[in-house]
Amino acid sequence: MANDRAIGGGIFAGSVIGIIVYGLLIFYFPLVVLEITAFVAVLVLLAILAWIGYTMATTPPPEPITDIPDTPPSTPAAPAQASKDETAKA
């Protein structure tokens, strides 16, 4: 539990520092930083798509299911029994 809290705190601190550094870089070097950001965003998106495509292309198809047991034919439901009031009326 304490180890998870330490890791979470480290991720939080690193994220806040990253936001501050990115903000400063945008302020001092806007064009270069935006070009790099756009390039990295497109790179990550295309890498994920390439990984999905590679996985789909190299994964063998699943084995067909052939051991489906035969189910007995279902029996029709029993007819509803008439209530005492209905039999008394008849």
N, C-alpha and C. Protein backbone atom coordinates (compact mmCIF):
# COMPACT_ATOMS: atom_id res chain seq x y z
N MET A 1 0.83 -1.19 0.00
CA MET A 1 0.00 0.00 0.00
C MET A 1 0.87 1.25 0.00
N ALA A 2 1.88 1.29 0.87
CA ALA A 2 2.75 2.46 0.92
C ALA A 2 3.55 2.58 -0.37
N ASN A 3 3.94 1.44 -0.96
CA ASN A 3 4.68 1.48 -2.21
C ASN A 3 3.82 2.04 -3.34
N ASP A 4 2.55 1.69 -3.36
CA ASP A 4 1.63 2.24 -4.36
C ASP A 4 1.49 3.74 -4.20
N ARG A 5 1.43 4.20 -2.96
CA ARG A 5 1.31 5.65 -2.71
C ARG A 5 2.58 6.37 -3.16
N ALA A 6 3.73 5.77 -2.95
CA ALA A 6 4.99 6.39 -3.38
C ALA A 6 5.06 6.48 -4.90
N ILE A 7 4.65 5.42 -5.57
CA ILE A 7 4.64 5.42 -7.04
C ILE A 7 3.65 6.46 -7.55
N GLY A 8 2.46 6.51 -6.95
CA GLY A 8 1.46 7.50 -7.35
C GLY A 8 1.95 8.92 -7.13
N GLY A 9 2.61 9.16 -6.01
CA GLY A 9 3.16 10.49 -5.75
C GLY A 9 4.24 10.86 -6.75
N GLY A 10 5.07 9.89 -7.12
CA GLY A 10 6.11 10.14 -8.12
C GLY A 10 5.53 10.46 -9.49
N ILE A 11 4.48 9.71 -9.87
CA ILE A 11 3.82 9.98 -11.16
C ILE A 11 3.19 11.36 -11.14
N PHE A 12 2.55 11.72 -10.03
CA PHE A 12 1.92 13.04 -9.92
C PHE A 12 2.97 14.15 -10.01
N ALA A 13 4.05 14.01 -9.26
CA ALA A 13 5.10 15.04 -9.27
C ALA A 13 5.74 15.16 -10.65
N GLY A 14 6.00 14.02 -11.29
CA GLY A 14 6.57 14.06 -12.63
C GLY A 14 5.64 14.71 -13.64
N SER A 15 4.35 14.47 -13.49
CA SER A 15 3.37 15.08 -14.40
C SER A 15 3.32 16.59 -14.22
N VAL A 16 3.31 17.04 -12.97
CA VAL A 16 3.27 18.48 -12.71
C VAL A 16 4.54 19.16 -13.23
N ILE A 17 5.68 18.54 -13.01
CA ILE A 17 6.94 19.09 -13.52
C ILE A 17 6.93 19.11 -15.04
N GLY A 18 6.42 18.05 -15.66
CA GLY A 18 6.32 18.00 -17.12
C GLY A 18 5.43 19.10 -17.67
N ILE A 19 4.31 19.37 -16.99
CA ILE A 19 3.41 20.44 -17.43
C ILE A 19 4.13 21.79 -17.36
N ILE A 20 4.85 22.02 -16.28
CA ILE A 20 5.56 23.30 -16.12
C ILE A 20 6.65 23.45 -17.18
N VAL A 21 7.44 22.40 -17.39
CA VAL A 21 8.51 22.46 -18.40
C VAL A 21 7.92 22.66 -19.79
N TYR A 22 6.84 21.95 -20.11
CA TYR A 22 6.22 22.10 -21.42
C TYR A 22 5.69 23.52 -21.61
N GLY A 23 5.07 24.06 -20.57
CA GLY A 23 4.58 25.45 -20.64
C GLY A 23 5.70 26.44 -20.89
N LEU A 24 6.82 26.27 -20.20
CA LEU A 24 7.96 27.16 -20.40
C LEU A 24 8.53 27.02 -21.81
N LEU A 25 8.63 25.79 -22.29
CA LEU A 25 9.14 25.59 -23.65
C LEU A 25 8.22 26.21 -24.69
N ILE A 26 6.91 26.08 -24.49
CA ILE A 26 5.95 26.70 -25.42
C ILE A 26 6.10 28.22 -25.40
N PHE A 27 6.36 28.76 -24.23
CA PHE A 27 6.48 30.21 -24.11
C PHE A 27 7.73 30.72 -24.82
N TYR A 28 8.86 30.00 -24.68
CA TYR A 28 10.13 30.49 -25.24
C TYR A 28 10.38 30.00 -26.68
N PHE A 29 9.94 28.81 -27.02
CA PHE A 29 10.17 28.25 -28.36
C PHE A 29 8.86 27.68 -28.92
N PRO A 30 7.90 28.53 -29.23
CA PRO A 30 6.57 28.00 -29.57
C PRO A 30 6.53 27.15 -30.84
N LEU A 31 7.15 27.59 -31.92
CA LEU A 31 7.02 26.86 -33.18
C LEU A 31 7.69 25.50 -33.12
N VAL A 32 8.90 25.46 -32.59
CA VAL A 32 9.64 24.19 -32.54
C VAL A 32 8.92 23.18 -31.64
N VAL A 33 8.46 23.65 -30.49
CA VAL A 33 7.79 22.74 -29.55
C VAL A 33 6.48 22.22 -30.14
N LEU A 34 5.72 23.07 -30.82
CA LEU A 34 4.47 22.60 -31.42
C LEU A 34 4.73 21.62 -32.56
N GLU A 35 5.79 21.86 -33.33
CA GLU A 35 6.13 20.91 -34.40
C GLU A 35 6.52 19.56 -33.82
N ILE A 36 7.31 19.58 -32.77
CA ILE A 36 7.73 18.32 -32.14
C ILE A 36 6.53 17.61 -31.53
N THR A 37 5.65 18.38 -30.88
CA THR A 37 4.46 17.79 -30.27
C THR A 37 3.57 17.14 -31.31
N ALA A 38 3.35 17.82 -32.42
CA ALA A 38 2.51 17.26 -33.48
C ALA A 38 3.15 16.00 -34.06
N PHE A 39 4.47 16.03 -34.25
CA PHE A 39 5.16 14.87 -34.79
C PHE A 39 5.05 13.68 -33.84
N VAL A 40 5.25 13.90 -32.56
CA VAL A 40 5.18 12.81 -31.59
C VAL A 40 3.75 12.27 -31.49
N ALA A 41 2.76 13.16 -31.55
CA ALA A 41 1.36 12.70 -31.48
C ALA A 41 1.02 11.81 -32.68
N VAL A 42 1.42 12.21 -33.87
CA VAL A 42 1.15 11.40 -35.07
C VAL A 42 1.95 10.11 -35.00
N LEU A 43 3.19 10.18 -34.53
CA LEU A 43 4.03 9.00 -34.40
C LEU A 43 3.40 7.97 -33.46
N VAL A 44 2.90 8.42 -32.32
CA VAL A 44 2.28 7.50 -31.36
C VAL A 44 1.01 6.88 -31.95
N LEU A 45 0.19 7.68 -32.59
CA LEU A 45 -1.04 7.17 -33.20
C LEU A 45 -0.74 6.12 -34.26
N LEU A 46 0.20 6.42 -35.15
CA LEU A 46 0.53 5.46 -36.21
C LEU A 46 1.22 4.22 -35.66
N ALA A 47 2.00 4.37 -34.60
CA ALA A 47 2.64 3.21 -33.99
C ALA A 47 1.60 2.28 -33.37
N ILE A 48 0.58 2.84 -32.73
CA ILE A 48 -0.50 2.02 -32.16
C ILE A 48 -1.25 1.30 -33.27
N LEU A 49 -1.56 2.01 -34.36
CA LEU A 49 -2.24 1.37 -35.49
C LEU A 49 -1.38 0.27 -36.11
N ALA A 50 -0.08 0.50 -36.22
CA ALA A 50 0.82 -0.52 -36.76
C ALA A 50 0.85 -1.74 -35.86
N TRP A 51 0.87 -1.53 -34.56
CA TRP A 51 0.88 -2.64 -33.61
C TRP A 51 -0.41 -3.46 -33.71
N ILE A 52 -1.54 -2.79 -33.83
CA ILE A 52 -2.82 -3.49 -33.97
C ILE A 52 -2.84 -4.28 -35.28
N GLY A 53 -2.39 -3.67 -36.36
CA GLY A 53 -2.35 -4.36 -37.64
C GLY A 53 -1.43 -5.56 -37.63
N TYR A 54 -0.26 -5.42 -37.03
CA TYR A 54 0.70 -6.53 -36.94
C TYR A 54 0.10 -7.67 -36.12
N THR A 55 -0.54 -7.32 -35.02
CA THR A 55 -1.14 -8.35 -34.16
C THR A 55 -2.24 -9.08 -34.90
N MET A 56 -3.08 -8.34 -35.63
CA MET A 56 -4.15 -8.98 -36.38
C MET A 56 -3.61 -9.85 -37.51
N ALA A 57 -2.52 -9.43 -38.13
CA ALA A 57 -1.97 -10.17 -39.26
C ALA A 57 -1.23 -11.43 -38.83
N THR A 58 -0.64 -11.44 -37.64
CA THR A 58 0.19 -12.57 -37.23
C THR A 58 -0.49 -13.51 -36.25
N THR A 59 -1.65 -13.16 -35.74
CA THR A 59 -2.35 -14.04 -34.80
C THR A 59 -3.12 -15.08 -35.59
N PRO A 60 -2.91 -16.36 -35.28
CA PRO A 60 -3.65 -17.40 -36.01
C PRO A 60 -5.13 -17.36 -35.63
N PRO A 61 -5.98 -17.79 -36.55
CA PRO A 61 -7.42 -17.79 -36.23
C PRO A 61 -7.71 -18.81 -35.13
N PRO A 62 -8.75 -18.59 -34.37
CA PRO A 62 -9.08 -19.55 -33.32
C PRO A 62 -9.55 -20.87 -33.90
N GLU A 63 -9.36 -21.92 -33.13
CA GLU A 63 -9.81 -23.25 -33.55
C GLU A 63 -11.33 -23.27 -33.58
N PRO A 64 -11.92 -23.88 -34.60
CA PRO A 64 -13.39 -23.96 -34.63
C PRO A 64 -13.89 -24.88 -33.52
N ILE A 65 -15.02 -24.54 -32.99
CA ILE A 65 -15.62 -25.36 -31.93
C ILE A 65 -16.38 -26.50 -32.61
N THR A 66 -15.94 -27.73 -32.35
CA THR A 66 -16.57 -28.88 -32.99
C THR A 66 -17.27 -29.78 -31.99
N ASP A 67 -17.03 -29.63 -30.71
CA ASP A 67 -17.60 -30.51 -29.71
C ASP A 67 -18.83 -29.90 -29.07
N ILE A 68 -19.78 -29.51 -29.89
CA ILE A 68 -21.03 -28.99 -29.36
C ILE A 68 -21.93 -30.19 -29.08
N PRO A 69 -22.31 -30.39 -27.82
CA PRO A 69 -23.14 -31.57 -27.53
C PRO A 69 -24.54 -31.40 -28.11
N ASP A 70 -25.11 -32.52 -28.54
CA ASP A 70 -26.47 -32.49 -29.07
C ASP A 70 -27.43 -32.29 -27.91
N THR A 71 -28.33 -31.35 -28.08
CA THR A 71 -29.32 -31.12 -27.03
C THR A 71 -30.58 -31.87 -27.39
N PRO A 72 -31.23 -32.48 -26.40
CA PRO A 72 -32.47 -33.20 -26.71
C PRO A 72 -33.54 -32.20 -27.13
N PRO A 73 -34.45 -32.63 -27.98
CA PRO A 73 -35.51 -31.70 -28.40
C PRO A 73 -36.31 -31.26 -27.18
N SER A 74 -36.68 -30.02 -27.20
CA SER A 74 -37.43 -29.50 -26.06
C SER A 74 -38.86 -30.02 -26.11
N THR A 75 -39.38 -30.31 -24.95
CA THR A 75 -40.76 -30.80 -24.86
C THR A 75 -41.69 -29.62 -24.71
N PRO A 76 -42.87 -29.68 -25.30
CA PRO A 76 -43.79 -28.55 -25.18
C PRO A 76 -44.25 -28.39 -23.73
N ALA A 77 -44.56 -27.18 -23.38
CA ALA A 77 -45.00 -26.90 -22.02
C ALA A 77 -46.36 -27.54 -21.78
N ALA A 78 -46.58 -27.95 -20.55
CA ALA A 78 -47.86 -28.56 -20.18
C ALA A 78 -48.95 -27.50 -20.26
N PRO A 79 -50.16 -27.89 -20.70
CA PRO A 79 -51.23 -26.89 -20.78
C PRO A 79 -51.58 -26.38 -19.38
N ALA A 80 -51.97 -25.14 -19.33
CA ALA A 80 -52.30 -24.53 -18.06
C ALA A 80 -53.56 -25.18 -17.50
N GLN A 81 -53.56 -25.43 -16.22
CA GLN A 81 -54.73 -26.03 -15.59
C GLN A 81 -55.73 -24.93 -15.25
N ALA A 82 -56.96 -25.24 -15.39
CA ALA A 82 -58.01 -24.26 -15.10
C ALA A 82 -58.14 -24.10 -13.60
N SER A 83 -58.44 -22.91 -13.18
CA SER A 83 -58.62 -22.66 -11.75
C SER A 83 -59.95 -23.25 -11.29
N LYS A 84 -60.16 -23.31 -10.00
CA LYS A 84 -61.38 -23.89 -9.43
C LYS A 84 -62.60 -23.10 -9.85
N ASP A 85 -62.46 -21.76 -9.97
CA ASP A 85 -63.60 -20.93 -10.37
C ASP A 85 -64.05 -21.28 -11.78
N GLU A 86 -63.11 -21.51 -12.68
CA GLU A 86 -63.45 -21.80 -14.06
C GLU A 86 -64.10 -23.17 -14.19
N THR A 87 -63.64 -24.13 -13.40
CA THR A 87 -64.24 -25.47 -13.49
C THR A 87 -65.63 -25.47 -12.86
N ALA A 88 -65.86 -24.63 -11.88
CA ALA A 88 -67.17 -24.58 -11.25
C ALA A 88 -68.19 -23.95 -12.21
N LYS A 89 -67.76 -23.01 -13.04
CA LYS A 89 -68.65 -22.35 -13.98
C LYS A 89 -69.05 -23.28 -15.10
N ALA A 90 -68.19 -24.21 -15.46
CA ALA A 90 -68.45 -25.07 -16.60
C ALA A 90 -69.42 -26.14 -16.31
